[in-house]
């Protein structure tokens, strides 16, 4: 199962100059809780902005540069190779796409679930998440963030319509019927 996890502002901004737009400790804890012991897939720029492999995760970097190496990470140069070798279609084990913009765009047509921290503000951004189509996606949960920050934020989960999987954060199934997942 392929999931995406991200935080975005009201205009879908996700970053500027390879940096996050805000610091929300509760969002970082949420990210860690969901992705620990899982596989995370990111682009080279996202990896370089983090600066090291994320602990307790299998780190995969998607890059066009065939000579690029990063200790503690697996390198892939093709979305098709990742989909066929890493992502378990229809499986219970979630694999997470964690950015950046180009990687989100490439994998969105293949994603089953979106974990979105929606920040109720507008920031000066230069990278954006694609539009979430209401025809393709259904919001299945929305929870207001509880920590003090200068702006409101919500933890939202979207499921691709027509699919049913166990949730990583609740262990519950959503209520829609299942369909076969084919990459």
Protein backbone atom coordinates (compact mmCIF):
# COMPACT_ATOMS: atom_id res chain seq x y z
CA UNK A 1 0.00 0.00 0.00
CA UNK A 2 1.32 3.39 -0.97
CA UNK A 3 0.67 6.41 1.24
CA UNK A 4 1.82 10.00 1.15
CA UNK A 5 2.49 12.10 4.21
CA UNK A 6 2.86 15.87 4.05
CA UNK A 7 2.01 19.20 5.58
CA UNK A 8 0.67 22.01 3.41
CA UNK A 9 -0.74 25.49 3.75
CA UNK A 10 -4.09 26.79 2.44
CA UNK A 11 -2.58 27.25 -1.04
CA UNK A 12 -0.96 23.77 -1.04
CA UNK A 13 2.52 25.20 -0.27
CA UNK A 14 4.87 22.60 1.19
CA UNK A 15 8.28 24.27 1.27
CA UNK A 16 10.63 27.03 0.24
CA UNK A 17 14.28 26.72 -0.74
CA UNK A 18 14.31 23.07 0.37
CA UNK A 19 13.06 23.88 3.87
CA UNK A 20 9.80 23.38 5.73
CA UNK A 21 7.62 26.46 6.03
CA UNK A 22 6.85 26.04 9.74
CA UNK A 23 7.87 24.13 12.85
CA UNK A 24 4.98 22.20 14.40
CA UNK A 25 6.28 19.71 17.00
CA UNK A 26 3.00 17.75 17.04
CA UNK A 27 3.19 17.31 13.26
CA UNK A 28 6.77 16.04 13.52
CA UNK A 29 5.66 13.54 16.20
CA UNK A 30 2.77 12.42 13.96
CA UNK A 31 5.18 11.92 11.05
CA UNK A 32 7.53 9.87 13.25
CA UNK A 33 4.70 7.75 14.67
CA UNK A 34 3.32 6.86 11.24
CA UNK A 35 6.59 6.29 9.39
CA UNK A 36 8.71 4.51 12.04
CA UNK A 37 9.59 0.93 11.06
CA UNK A 38 8.32 1.61 7.53
CA UNK A 39 9.86 2.37 4.17
CA UNK A 40 10.05 6.05 3.23
CA UNK A 41 10.64 7.23 -0.34
CA UNK A 42 11.94 10.70 -1.08
CA UNK A 43 13.67 12.68 -3.77
CA UNK A 44 17.33 13.62 -3.59
CA UNK A 45 16.61 17.24 -2.66
CA UNK A 46 14.38 16.16 0.22
CA UNK A 47 17.08 13.80 1.45
CA UNK A 48 19.71 16.53 1.26
CA UNK A 49 17.44 18.92 3.19
CA UNK A 50 17.12 16.31 5.96
CA UNK A 51 20.86 15.62 5.81
CA UNK A 52 20.86 11.99 6.93
CA UNK A 53 18.77 8.82 6.73
CA UNK A 54 15.72 8.87 8.98
CA UNK A 55 16.30 6.45 11.87
CA UNK A 56 14.27 3.25 12.25
CA UNK A 57 13.12 3.36 8.62
CA UNK A 58 14.21 1.97 5.28
CA UNK A 59 15.21 5.12 3.36
CA UNK A 60 14.86 5.13 -0.43
CA UNK A 61 16.02 8.01 -2.59
CA UNK A 62 14.60 8.47 -6.08
CA UNK A 63 17.11 10.32 -8.25
CA UNK A 64 17.97 10.63 -11.93
CA UNK A 65 21.68 10.79 -11.01
CA UNK A 66 22.90 7.20 -11.37
CA UNK A 67 26.17 7.94 -9.54
CA UNK A 68 24.48 9.52 -6.49
CA UNK A 69 25.16 7.66 -3.23
CA UNK A 70 24.04 8.25 0.34
CA UNK A 71 25.15 6.04 3.18
CA UNK A 72 22.27 4.18 4.82
CA UNK A 73 19.92 4.68 1.85
CA UNK A 74 18.84 2.66 -1.15
CA UNK A 75 19.02 4.42 -4.54
CA UNK A 76 16.38 4.06 -7.22
CA UNK A 77 16.27 5.79 -10.59
CA UNK A 78 12.82 4.76 -11.78
CA UNK A 79 9.32 5.06 -10.34
CA UNK A 80 8.45 1.79 -12.10
CA UNK A 81 11.24 -0.06 -10.27
CA UNK A 82 10.01 1.29 -6.93
CA UNK A 83 6.41 0.33 -7.67
CA UNK A 84 7.34 -3.19 -8.73
CA UNK A 85 10.05 -3.92 -6.14
CA UNK A 86 9.10 -1.94 -3.02
CA UNK A 87 5.38 -1.17 -2.88
CA UNK A 88 3.18 -4.07 -1.81
CA UNK A 89 0.00 -3.66 -3.89
CA UNK A 90 -3.07 -3.99 -1.69
CA UNK A 91 -0.86 -5.00 1.21
CA UNK A 92 -1.22 -4.10 4.86
CA UNK A 93 2.31 -2.72 5.06
CA UNK A 94 2.38 0.95 4.20
CA UNK A 95 5.17 2.53 2.22
CA UNK A 96 5.36 6.33 2.56
CA UNK A 97 6.18 9.00 0.02
CA UNK A 98 7.64 11.93 2.00
CA UNK A 99 8.48 14.45 -0.75
CA UNK A 100 9.33 16.63 -2.44
CA UNK A 101 7.05 18.23 -4.98
CA UNK A 102 8.19 16.28 -8.05
CA UNK A 103 8.13 12.93 -6.20
CA UNK A 104 4.62 13.65 -4.91
CA UNK A 105 3.46 14.43 -8.47
CA UNK A 106 5.01 11.23 -9.85
CA UNK A 107 3.51 8.94 -7.21
CA UNK A 108 0.10 10.58 -6.62
CA UNK A 109 -1.63 8.55 -9.37
CA UNK A 110 -0.45 5.37 -7.59
CA UNK A 111 -1.20 6.42 -3.99
CA UNK A 112 -3.90 4.81 -1.86
CA UNK A 113 -3.91 7.16 1.13
CA UNK A 114 -2.87 10.72 1.96
CA UNK A 115 -1.94 11.89 5.47
CA UNK A 116 -2.18 15.67 5.26
CA UNK A 117 -1.41 18.17 7.99
CA UNK A 118 -3.44 21.13 6.76
CA UNK A 119 -2.02 24.39 8.09
CA UNK A 120 -4.67 27.13 8.14
CA UNK A 121 -2.37 29.92 6.93
CA UNK A 122 -0.60 31.05 3.76
CA UNK A 123 3.19 31.05 3.54
CA UNK A 124 5.70 32.23 0.96
CA UNK A 125 6.31 28.87 -0.76
CA UNK A 126 8.14 27.76 -3.89
CA UNK A 127 7.06 24.09 -3.82
CA UNK A 128 3.49 22.82 -3.81
CA UNK A 129 1.46 19.64 -3.44
CA UNK A 130 -0.84 18.80 -6.36
CA UNK A 131 -4.57 19.47 -6.14
CA UNK A 132 -6.48 16.76 -4.23
CA UNK A 133 -9.36 15.84 -6.54
CA UNK A 134 -12.71 15.36 -4.77
CA UNK A 135 -13.65 12.93 -7.54
CA UNK A 136 -10.74 10.64 -6.65
CA UNK A 137 -10.25 11.21 -2.92
CA UNK A 138 -12.49 11.13 0.13
CA UNK A 139 -11.50 12.70 3.43
CA UNK A 140 -12.08 10.00 6.06
CA UNK A 141 -10.87 11.85 9.13
CA UNK A 142 -10.07 15.34 10.36
CA UNK A 143 -8.66 16.14 13.79
CA UNK A 144 -7.68 19.56 15.05
CA UNK A 145 -4.08 19.92 16.18
CA UNK A 146 -3.81 20.39 19.90
CA UNK A 147 -0.51 22.18 20.39
CA UNK A 148 0.05 25.90 20.66
CA UNK A 149 1.25 27.49 17.43
CA UNK A 150 0.54 30.86 15.81
CA UNK A 151 -1.91 29.13 13.39
CA UNK A 152 -4.54 26.40 13.39
CA UNK A 153 -3.75 23.06 11.80
CA UNK A 154 -5.60 19.81 11.21
CA UNK A 155 -4.58 16.20 10.70
CA UNK A 156 -6.57 14.89 7.75
CA UNK A 157 -6.62 11.47 6.12
CA UNK A 158 -7.81 10.94 2.57
CA UNK A 159 -8.53 7.56 0.98
CA UNK A 160 -8.67 6.94 -2.73
CA UNK A 161 -12.30 6.25 -3.50
CA UNK A 162 -13.15 2.59 -3.92
CA UNK A 163 -10.26 1.16 -1.88
CA UNK A 164 -10.19 -0.25 1.63
CA UNK A 165 -7.13 -0.69 3.80
CA UNK A 166 -6.20 -0.90 7.44
CA UNK A 167 -5.13 2.45 8.83
CA UNK A 168 -1.58 2.80 10.16
CA UNK A 169 -2.65 5.21 12.88
CA UNK A 170 -5.83 3.49 14.10
CA UNK A 171 -5.63 -0.14 13.01
CA UNK A 172 -9.22 0.25 11.76
CA UNK A 173 -10.57 -0.36 8.28
CA UNK A 174 -12.35 2.32 6.37
CA UNK A 175 -15.90 1.45 5.32
CA UNK A 176 -15.72 1.41 1.52
CA UNK A 177 -15.65 -1.74 -0.55
CA UNK A 178 -12.35 -3.10 -1.79
CA UNK A 179 -11.15 -3.06 -5.36
CA UNK A 180 -8.07 -4.67 -6.81
CA UNK A 181 -5.01 -2.42 -6.76
CA UNK A 182 -2.86 -2.59 -9.84
CA UNK A 183 0.20 -0.38 -10.42
